[in-house]
Amino acid sequence: MKFSNLKKTITISSFGLIALLTTGGTAIAQQNGNGQRNNPNRVSNQERINPKQQKKFEKQQRKFEKRENKTYKKQAKIDNRQARLEQQRQAQIWRQNQRNQASYNNQNRYRVYRNGGYYNTDYRGAELLKQAVNKGYEQGFLAGQNDRSRRRDDNTYGSSVYRNGNYGYQSHVSSAQYQYYFQKGFEKGYEDGYNSRSQYGNDNDGRRNILGSILQGILNLERY
């Protein structure tokens, strides 16, 4: 009977000891956990950086940067080569245009007769001299009309536009040549305008143009 009680007492004590140890262990664990949370300087094992992993990461980073630099240099080299090719292409186009223009000018040479002599020019020069005669005729016609409407005497040479002779001038031909042919056209235009006629020119959509036969007679333009 005493032995049974003793056994029961030992069993109860054992359970009490286990419970105490369990409670104590739990409290210690909680204290450690709270300590880690409350201590900002404490780093868990999972948060610690592995030196080997750090070196591996840095190696991969250097490798990536090297690859990126290589790609950039390769692209820059391609861009520079394309830019040089484009410059060469543009230079070839320019040279070809120059050759074409030279060939065109050689095939379109003209000469005009003035004051007993011939003067050489190219296609553009011939067009500008035609323009001089036409603009002279147009301005002369307006001046003649104006003098007639105001009952002035016939005075071709009294117009400042006639004396200057540079209306519409462009520098591809000499100013003296342009002035000469402008004045010749002006004289014909003034006669038509003052006399209200169209002997030397006609009206084209509100603009006066000298007749082609009169133009040719003034310029004596020849192609050679």
C-alpha atoms as a PDB file:
ATOM      1  CA  MET A   1       0.000   0.000   0.000  1.00  0.00           C
ATOM      2  CA  LYS A   2       2.832   2.382   0.805  1.00  0.00           C
ATOM      3  CA  PHE A   3       4.693   1.306  -2.357  1.00  0.00           C
ATOM      4  CA  SER A   4       1.696   2.125  -4.506  1.00  0.00           C
ATOM      5  CA  ASN A   5       1.471   5.589  -3.025  1.00  0.00           C
ATOM      6  CA  LEU A   6       5.162   6.120  -3.535  1.00  0.00           C
ATOM      7  CA  LYS A   7       4.866   5.093  -7.183  1.00  0.00           C
ATOM      8  CA  LYS A   8       1.953   7.428  -7.687  1.00  0.00           C
ATOM      9  CA  THR A   9       3.911  10.267  -6.066  1.00  0.00           C
ATOM     10  CA  ILE A  10       6.931   9.670  -8.338  1.00  0.00           C
ATOM     11  CA  THR A  11       4.727   9.604 -11.430  1.00  0.00           C
ATOM     12  CA  ILE A  12       3.016  12.882 -10.507  1.00  0.00           C
ATOM     13  CA  SER A  13       6.400  14.475  -9.779  1.00  0.00           C
ATOM     14  CA  SER A  14       7.730  13.332 -13.137  1.00  0.00           C
ATOM     15  CA  PHE A  15       4.853  14.907 -14.976  1.00  0.00           C
ATOM     16  CA  GLY A  16       5.368  18.122 -12.993  1.00  0.00           C
ATOM     17  CA  LEU A  17       9.078  18.193 -13.866  1.00  0.00           C
ATOM     18  CA  ILE A  18       8.366  17.674 -17.571  1.00  0.00           C
ATOM     19  CA  ALA A  19       5.807  20.467 -17.504  1.00  0.00           C
ATOM     20  CA  LEU A  20       8.264  22.780 -15.765  1.00  0.00           C
ATOM     21  CA  LEU A  21      11.038  21.999 -18.221  1.00  0.00           C
ATOM     22  CA  THR A  22       8.656  22.524 -21.128  1.00  0.00           C
ATOM     23  CA  THR A  23       7.448  25.835 -19.786  1.00  0.00           C
ATOM     24  CA  GLY A  24      10.970  26.994 -19.084  1.00  0.00           C
ATOM     25  CA  GLY A  25      12.176  26.030 -22.529  1.00  0.00           C
ATOM     26  CA  THR A  26       9.281  27.813 -24.135  1.00  0.00           C
ATOM     27  CA  ALA A  27       9.959  30.938 -22.116  1.00  0.00           C
ATOM     28  CA  ILE A  28      13.639  30.909 -23.090  1.00  0.00           C
ATOM     29  CA  ALA A  29      12.747  30.496 -26.751  1.00  0.00           C
ATOM     30  CA  GLN A  30      10.291  33.360 -26.516  1.00  0.00           C
ATOM     31  CA  GLN A  31      12.879  35.525 -24.831  1.00  0.00           C
ATOM     32  CA  ASN A  32      15.394  34.728 -27.593  1.00  0.00           C
ATOM     33  CA  GLY A  33      12.792  35.501 -30.225  1.00  0.00           C
ATOM     34  CA  ASN A  34      11.854  38.752 -28.578  1.00  0.00           C
ATOM     35  CA  GLY A  35      15.477  39.625 -28.211  1.00  0.00           C
ATOM     36  CA  GLN A  36      16.102  39.121 -31.918  1.00  0.00           C
ATOM     37  CA  ARG A  37      13.099  41.223 -32.811  1.00  0.00           C
ATOM     38  CA  ASN A  38      13.962  43.959 -30.324  1.00  0.00           C
ATOM     39  CA  ASN A  39      17.654  44.076 -31.285  1.00  0.00           C
ATOM     40  CA  PRO A  40      18.039  45.694 -34.728  1.00  0.00           C
ATOM     41  CA  ASN A  41      21.725  44.736 -34.892  1.00  0.00           C
ATOM     42  CA  ARG A  42      21.023  41.053 -34.591  1.00  0.00           C
ATOM     43  CA  VAL A  43      21.153  39.265 -37.958  1.00  0.00           C
ATOM     44  CA  SER A  44      19.640  35.847 -38.416  1.00  0.00           C
ATOM     45  CA  ASN A  45      21.444  33.057 -40.169  1.00  0.00           C
ATOM     46  CA  GLN A  46      19.154  33.467 -43.167  1.00  0.00           C
ATOM     47  CA  GLU A  47      19.967  37.210 -43.353  1.00  0.00           C
ATOM     48  CA  ARG A  48      23.725  36.780 -43.215  1.00  0.00           C
ATOM     49  CA  ILE A  49      25.434  37.203 -46.690  1.00  0.00           C
ATOM     50  CA  ASN A  50      27.504  34.254 -47.683  1.00  0.00           C
ATOM     51  CA  PRO A  51      30.969  35.488 -48.807  1.00  0.00           C
ATOM     52  CA  LYS A  52      31.041  32.886 -51.562  1.00  0.00           C
ATOM     53  CA  GLN A  53      27.648  33.995 -52.840  1.00  0.00           C
ATOM     54  CA  GLN A  54      28.790  37.644 -52.693  1.00  0.00           C
ATOM     55  CA  LYS A  55      31.863  36.883 -54.790  1.00  0.00           C
ATOM     56  CA  LYS A  56      29.757  34.911 -57.241  1.00  0.00           C
ATOM     57  CA  PHE A  57      27.304  37.803 -57.543  1.00  0.00           C
ATOM     58  CA  GLU A  58      30.113  40.311 -58.103  1.00  0.00           C
ATOM     59  CA  LYS A  59      31.651  38.060 -60.733  1.00  0.00           C
ATOM     60  CA  GLN A  60      28.344  37.748 -62.553  1.00  0.00           C
ATOM     61  CA  GLN A  61      27.891  41.530 -62.360  1.00  0.00           C
ATOM     62  CA  ARG A  62      31.329  42.151 -63.872  1.00  0.00           C
ATOM     63  CA  LYS A  63      30.590  39.617 -66.584  1.00  0.00           C
ATOM     64  CA  PHE A  64      27.293  41.322 -67.381  1.00  0.00           C
ATOM     65  CA  GLU A  65      28.893  44.781 -67.540  1.00  0.00           C
ATOM     66  CA  LYS A  66      31.648  43.464 -69.792  1.00  0.00           C
ATOM     67  CA  ARG A  67      29.071  41.929 -72.127  1.00  0.00           C
ATOM     68  CA  GLU A  68      27.085  45.178 -72.171  1.00  0.00           C
ATOM     69  CA  ASN A  69      30.204  47.236 -72.995  1.00  0.00           C
ATOM     70  CA  LYS A  70      31.101  44.844 -75.753  1.00  0.00           C
ATOM     71  CA  THR A  71      27.605  45.114 -77.234  1.00  0.00           C
ATOM     72  CA  TYR A  72      27.719  48.925 -77.029  1.00  0.00           C
ATOM     73  CA  LYS A  73      31.089  49.122 -78.760  1.00  0.00           C
ATOM     74  CA  LYS A  74      29.938  46.724 -81.456  1.00  0.00           C
ATOM     75  CA  GLN A  75      26.819  48.811 -82.121  1.00  0.00           C
ATOM     76  CA  ALA A  76      28.849  52.017 -82.163  1.00  0.00           C
ATOM     77  CA  LYS A  77      31.196  50.476 -84.701  1.00  0.00           C
ATOM     78  CA  ILE A  78      28.244  49.477 -86.891  1.00  0.00           C
ATOM     79  CA  ASP A  79      26.761  52.980 -86.636  1.00  0.00           C
ATOM     80  CA  ASN A  80      30.071  54.596 -87.587  1.00  0.00           C
ATOM     81  CA  ARG A  81      30.463  52.287 -90.570  1.00  0.00           C
ATOM     82  CA  GLN A  82      26.927  53.069 -91.755  1.00  0.00           C
ATOM     83  CA  ALA A  83      27.578  56.795 -91.344  1.00  0.00           C
ATOM     84  CA  ARG A  84      30.748  56.542 -93.460  1.00  0.00           C
ATOM     85  CA  LEU A  85      28.892  54.576 -96.121  1.00  0.00           C
ATOM     86  CA  GLU A  86      26.140  57.198 -96.199  1.00  0.00           C
ATOM     87  CA  GLN A  87      28.710  59.973 -96.548  1.00  0.00           C
ATOM     88  CA  GLN A  88      30.381  58.109 -99.400  1.00  0.00           C
ATOM     89  CA  ARG A  89      27.000  57.583-101.062  1.00  0.00           C
ATOM     90  CA  GLN A  90      26.120  61.258-100.784  1.00  0.00           C
ATOM     91  CA  ALA A  91      29.527  62.216-102.163  1.00  0.00           C
ATOM     92  CA  GLN A  92      29.029  59.878-105.129  1.00  0.00           C
ATOM     93  CA  ILE A  93      25.594  61.392-105.802  1.00  0.00           C
ATOM     94  CA  TRP A  94      27.055  64.898-105.674  1.00  0.00           C
ATOM     95  CA  ARG A  95      29.879  64.001-108.069  1.00  0.00           C
ATOM     96  CA  GLN A  96      27.436  62.332-110.452  1.00  0.00           C
ATOM     97  CA  ASN A  97      25.196  65.389-110.370  1.00  0.00           C
ATOM     98  CA  GLN A  98      28.188  67.588-111.118  1.00  0.00           C
ATOM     99  CA  ARG A  99      29.148  65.396-114.070  1.00  0.00           C
ATOM    100  CA  ASN A 100      25.566  65.420-115.333  1.00  0.00           C
ATOM    101  CA  GLN A 101      25.379  69.196-115.012  1.00  0.00           C
ATOM    102  CA  ALA A 102      28.683  69.641-116.793  1.00  0.00           C
ATOM    103  CA  SER A 103      27.556  67.314-119.573  1.00  0.00           C
ATOM    104  CA  TYR A 104      24.243  69.153-119.813  1.00  0.00           C
ATOM    105  CA  ASN A 105      25.977  72.517-119.990  1.00  0.00           C
ATOM    106  CA  ASN A 106      28.357  71.271-122.657  1.00  0.00           C
ATOM    107  CA  GLN A 107      25.404  70.120-124.739  1.00  0.00           C
ATOM    108  CA  ASN A 108      23.516  73.396-124.205  1.00  0.00           C
ATOM    109  CA  ARG A 109      25.896  76.172-125.154  1.00  0.00           C
ATOM    110  CA  TYR A 110      24.527  79.351-126.627  1.00  0.00           C
ATOM    111  CA  ARG A 111      25.798  82.579-128.025  1.00  0.00           C
ATOM    112  CA  VAL A 112      24.035  85.902-128.395  1.00  0.00           C
ATOM    113  CA  TYR A 113      24.784  88.695-130.813  1.00  0.00           C
ATOM    114  CA  ARG A 114      25.072  92.219-129.456  1.00  0.00           C
ATOM    115  CA  ASN A 115      26.632  95.368-130.841  1.00  0.00           C
ATOM    116  CA  GLY A 116      28.451  93.598-133.622  1.00  0.00           C
ATOM    117  CA  GLY A 117      29.833  90.721-131.525  1.00  0.00           C
ATOM    118  CA  TYR A 118      28.868  87.316-130.127  1.00  0.00           C
ATOM    119  CA  TYR A 119      28.835  86.481-126.444  1.00  0.00           C
ATOM    120  CA  ASN A 120      28.871  82.906-125.178  1.00  0.00           C
ATOM    121  CA  THR A 121      26.591  81.638-122.419  1.00  0.00           C
ATOM    122  CA  ASP A 122      25.007  78.420-121.173  1.00  0.00           C
ATOM    123  CA  TYR A 123      21.406  77.295-120.915  1.00  0.00           C
ATOM    124  CA  ARG A 124      20.742  79.188-117.679  1.00  0.00           C
ATOM    125  CA  GLY A 125      22.320  82.342-119.068  1.00  0.00           C
ATOM    126  CA  ALA A 126      20.176  82.098-122.190  1.00  0.00           C
ATOM    127  CA  GLU A 127      17.044  81.722-120.055  1.00  0.00           C
ATOM    128  CA  LEU A 128      17.952  84.755-117.957  1.00  0.00           C
ATOM    129  CA  LEU A 129      18.466  86.883-121.049  1.00  0.00           C
ATOM    130  CA  LYS A 130      15.080  85.782-122.341  1.00  0.00           C
ATOM    131  CA  GLN A 131      13.670  86.758-118.971  1.00  0.00           C
ATOM    132  CA  ALA A 132      15.330  90.178-119.255  1.00  0.00           C
ATOM    133  CA  VAL A 133      13.586  90.850-122.575  1.00  0.00           C
ATOM    134  CA  ASN A 134      10.220  89.592-121.312  1.00  0.00           C
ATOM    135  CA  LYS A 135      10.322  91.542-118.056  1.00  0.00           C
ATOM    136  CA  GLY A 136      11.437  94.614-119.977  1.00  0.00           C
ATOM    137  CA  TYR A 137       8.476  94.256-122.339  1.00  0.00           C
ATOM    138  CA  GLU A 138       6.059  93.781-119.413  1.00  0.00           C
ATOM    139  CA  GLN A 139       7.345  96.816-117.479  1.00  0.00           C
ATOM    140  CA  GLY A 140       7.498  98.903-120.651  1.00  0.00           C
ATOM    141  CA  PHE A 141       3.895  98.085-121.511  1.00  0.00           C
ATOM    142  CA  LEU A 142       2.739  99.222-118.045  1.00  0.00           C
ATOM    143  CA  ALA A 143       4.798 102.424-118.270  1.00  0.00           C
ATOM    144  CA  GLY A 144       3.350 103.208-121.728  1.00  0.00           C
ATOM    145  CA  GLN A 145      -0.197 102.656-120.530  1.00  0.00           C
ATOM    146  CA  ASN A 146       0.411 104.877-117.516  1.00  0.00           C
ATOM    147  CA  ASP A 147       1.826 107.744-119.605  1.00  0.00           C
ATOM    148  CA  ARG A 148      -1.069 107.532-122.084  1.00  0.00           C
ATOM    149  CA  SER A 149      -3.713 107.529-119.320  1.00  0.00           C
ATOM    150  CA  ARG A 150      -2.112 110.661-117.832  1.00  0.00           C
ATOM    151  CA  ARG A 151      -1.847 112.315-121.232  1.00  0.00           C
ATOM    152  CA  ARG A 152       1.931 112.510-121.095  1.00  0.00           C
ATOM    153  CA  ASP A 153       4.174 112.685-124.094  1.00  0.00           C
ATOM    154  CA  ASP A 154       5.717 109.498-125.456  1.00  0.00           C
ATOM    155  CA  ASN A 155       8.898 109.221-123.399  1.00  0.00           C
ATOM    156  CA  THR A 156      10.358 105.730-123.205  1.00  0.00           C
ATOM    157  CA  TYR A 157      13.621 106.914-121.680  1.00  0.00           C
ATOM    158  CA  GLY A 158      12.017 108.940-118.920  1.00  0.00           C
ATOM    159  CA  SER A 159      11.206 105.863-116.830  1.00  0.00           C
ATOM    160  CA  SER A 160      13.561 105.121-113.933  1.00  0.00           C
ATOM    161  CA  VAL A 161      12.820 101.403-114.415  1.00  0.00           C
ATOM    162  CA  TYR A 162      14.133 101.685-117.958  1.00  0.00           C
ATOM    163  CA  ARG A 163      17.250 103.611-116.947  1.00  0.00           C
ATOM    164  CA  ASN A 164      18.165 101.155-114.183  1.00  0.00           C
ATOM    165  CA  GLY A 165      17.418  98.121-116.316  1.00  0.00           C
ATOM    166  CA  ASN A 166      17.947  95.686-113.429  1.00  0.00           C
ATOM    167  CA  TYR A 167      14.371  94.593-112.717  1.00  0.00           C
ATOM    168  CA  GLY A 168      14.506  90.829-112.027  1.00  0.00           C
ATOM    169  CA  TYR A 169      18.284  90.685-112.428  1.00  0.00           C
ATOM    170  CA  GLN A 170      20.199  87.564-111.359  1.00  0.00           C
ATOM    171  CA  SER A 171      23.964  87.376-111.205  1.00  0.00           C
ATOM    172  CA  HIS A 172      24.495  84.411-113.563  1.00  0.00           C
ATOM    173  CA  VAL A 173      24.882  86.884-116.423  1.00  0.00           C
ATOM    174  CA  SER A 174      26.583  90.264-116.373  1.00  0.00           C
ATOM    175  CA  SER A 175      24.511  93.228-115.275  1.00  0.00           C
ATOM    176  CA  ALA A 176      25.440  95.078-118.499  1.00  0.00           C
ATOM    177  CA  GLN A 177      24.054  92.238-120.624  1.00  0.00           C
ATOM    178  CA  TYR A 178      20.886  91.998-118.584  1.00  0.00           C
ATOM    179  CA  GLN A 179      20.353  95.762-118.716  1.00  0.00           C
ATOM    180  CA  TYR A 180      20.834  95.867-122.475  1.00  0.00           C
ATOM    181  CA  TYR A 181      18.218  93.188-123.192  1.00  0.00           C
ATOM    182  CA  PHE A 182      15.818  94.484-120.541  1.00  0.00           C
ATOM    183  CA  GLN A 183      15.857  97.909-122.184  1.00  0.00           C
ATOM    184  CA  LYS A 184      15.311  96.409-125.637  1.00  0.00           C
ATOM    185  CA  GLY A 185      12.225  94.590-124.374  1.00  0.00           C
ATOM    186  CA  PHE A 186      11.077  97.715-122.489  1.00  0.00           C
ATOM    187  CA  GLU A 187      11.163  99.791-125.667  1.00  0.00           C
ATOM    188  CA  LYS A 188       8.889  97.327-127.488  1.00  0.00           C
ATOM    189  CA  GLY A 189       6.535  97.082-124.531  1.00  0.00           C
ATOM    190  CA  TYR A 190       6.316 100.836-124.128  1.00  0.00           C
ATOM    191  CA  GLU A 191       5.308 101.278-127.753  1.00  0.00           C
ATOM    192  CA  ASP A 192       2.512  98.701-127.406  1.00  0.00           C
ATOM    193  CA  GLY A 193       1.313 100.109-124.096  1.00  0.00           C
ATOM    194  CA  TYR A 194       1.335 103.725-125.141  1.00  0.00           C
ATOM    195  CA  ASN A 195      -0.483 102.968-128.396  1.00  0.00           C
ATOM    196  CA  SER A 196      -2.884 100.421-126.844  1.00  0.00           C
ATOM    197  CA  ARG A 197      -1.890  97.620-129.207  1.00  0.00           C
ATOM    198  CA  SER A 198      -0.279  94.180-129.228  1.00  0.00           C
ATOM    199  CA  GLN A 199       2.153  94.443-132.120  1.00  0.00           C
ATOM    200  CA  TYR A 200       5.147  93.036-130.264  1.00  0.00           C
ATOM    201  CA  GLY A 201       3.511  90.953-127.571  1.00  0.00           C
ATOM    202  CA  ASN A 202       0.298  89.492-126.191  1.00  0.00           C
ATOM    203  CA  ASP A 203      -1.624  88.990-122.990  1.00  0.00           C
ATOM    204  CA  ASN A 204      -1.208  85.639-121.230  1.00  0.00           C
ATOM    205  CA  ASP A 205      -3.517  85.279-118.203  1.00  0.00           C
ATOM    206  CA  GLY A 206      -3.098  88.920-117.280  1.00  0.00           C
ATOM    207  CA  ARG A 207       0.636  89.077-117.980  1.00  0.00           C
ATOM    208  CA  ARG A 208       2.246  90.611-121.000  1.00  0.00           C
ATOM    209  CA  ASN A 209       4.757  88.480-122.932  1.00  0.00           C
ATOM    210  CA  ILE A 210       6.806  89.470-125.924  1.00  0.00           C
ATOM    211  CA  LEU A 211       6.301  87.446-129.097  1.00  0.00           C
ATOM    212  CA  GLY A 212       8.801  84.683-129.740  1.00  0.00           C
ATOM    213  CA  SER A 213       9.821  86.073-133.119  1.00  0.00           C
ATOM    214  CA  ILE A 214      10.507  89.507-131.608  1.00  0.00           C
ATOM    215  CA  LEU A 215      12.419  87.900-128.741  1.00  0.00           C
ATOM    216  CA  GLN A 216      14.614  85.969-131.145  1.00  0.00           C
ATOM    217  CA  GLY A 217      15.170  89.071-133.240  1.00  0.00           C
ATOM    218  CA  ILE A 218      16.424  90.954-130.192  1.00  0.00           C
ATOM    219  CA  LEU A 219      18.619  88.191-128.750  1.00  0.00           C
ATOM    220  CA  ASN A 220      19.921  86.593-131.962  1.00  0.00           C
ATOM    221  CA  LEU A 221      20.299  83.499-129.790  1.00  0.00           C
ATOM    222  CA  GLU A 222      22.150  80.563-131.361  1.00  0.00           C
ATOM    223  CA  ARG A 223      22.927  77.122-130.015  1.00  0.00           C
ATOM    224  CA  TYR A 224      26.261  75.557-130.903  1.00  0.00           C
END
